[in-house]
Protein backbone atom coordinates (compact mmCIF):
# COMPACT_ATOMS: atom_id res chain seq x y z
CA MET A 1 -8.88 0.80 2.19
CA TYR A 2 -8.15 4.16 3.80
CA GLY A 3 -10.00 6.23 6.37
CA LEU A 4 -10.05 10.01 6.58
CA TYR A 5 -10.47 11.31 10.16
CA ASP A 6 -11.10 14.92 11.14
CA THR A 7 -9.48 16.79 14.03
CA ASP A 8 -12.06 15.40 16.49
CA GLY A 9 -11.17 11.82 15.53
CA ILE A 10 -14.43 11.23 13.65
CA LEU A 11 -14.24 9.03 10.58
CA ARG A 12 -15.40 11.26 7.74
CA PHE A 13 -14.78 8.99 4.75
CA MET A 14 -13.60 5.49 3.85
CA GLY A 15 -12.19 4.93 0.38
CA GLY A 16 -10.32 2.35 -1.63
CA ASP A 17 -7.22 4.50 -2.05
CA ARG A 18 -5.55 7.66 -0.81
CA GLU A 19 -6.63 9.66 -3.85
CA ALA A 20 -10.32 9.03 -3.08
CA CYS A 21 -9.85 10.34 0.47
CA GLU A 22 -7.98 13.39 -0.80
CA ALA A 23 -10.74 14.06 -3.36
CA TYR A 24 -13.36 13.87 -0.58
CA ALA A 25 -11.37 16.35 1.51
CA ALA A 26 -11.08 18.71 -1.46
CA LEU A 27 -14.80 18.40 -2.25
CA PHE A 28 -15.79 19.43 1.28
CA SER A 29 -12.90 21.92 1.74
CA LEU A 30 -11.31 19.93 4.57
CA PRO A 31 -7.66 20.98 4.99
CA LEU A 32 -5.54 17.81 4.77
CA ALA A 33 -3.09 19.33 7.26
CA SER A 34 -5.74 19.03 9.99
CA CYS A 35 -6.96 15.52 9.01
CA SER A 36 -5.54 12.06 9.50
CA LEU A 37 -5.37 9.58 6.64
CA LEU A 38 -4.93 6.04 7.96
CA PRO A 39 -4.97 2.61 6.32
CA MET A 40 -7.98 0.56 7.43
CA PRO A 41 -7.61 -3.17 8.08
CA ARG A 42 -9.77 -5.42 5.97
CA PRO A 43 -12.21 -7.46 8.07
CA ALA A 44 -11.46 -11.16 8.25
CA ALA A 45 -14.01 -13.46 6.68
CA GLN A 46 -16.01 -15.32 9.29
CA VAL A 47 -16.82 -18.97 8.86
CA PHE A 48 -20.15 -20.13 10.26
CA ARG A 49 -20.92 -23.74 11.05
CA LYS A 50 -24.34 -25.13 10.40
CA ARG A 51 -26.27 -25.37 13.65
CA ARG A 52 -28.13 -28.59 14.34
CA SER A 53 -31.56 -28.33 15.83
CA ARG A 54 -32.43 -30.15 19.05
CA ARG A 55 -34.70 -32.51 17.14
CA GLU A 56 -31.88 -33.71 14.92
CA GLY A 57 -29.67 -34.33 17.95
CA ALA A 58 -32.42 -36.34 19.70
CA ARG A 59 -32.97 -38.65 16.72
CA SER A 60 -29.32 -39.62 16.36
CA SER A 61 -28.99 -40.64 20.05
């Protein structure tokens, strides 16, 4: 995953590869010399635990 940032530091496009970002820049006539193309970290999967209700906790006590 790559991000294309403009000269103001605004994320303009996120794509799966560099070529997709370059194609976006070409489509909107953004000069690549004035943009930043940076790899984006993939978000870590979050694990959620099931939450017990207060009623369930009261019955088991």
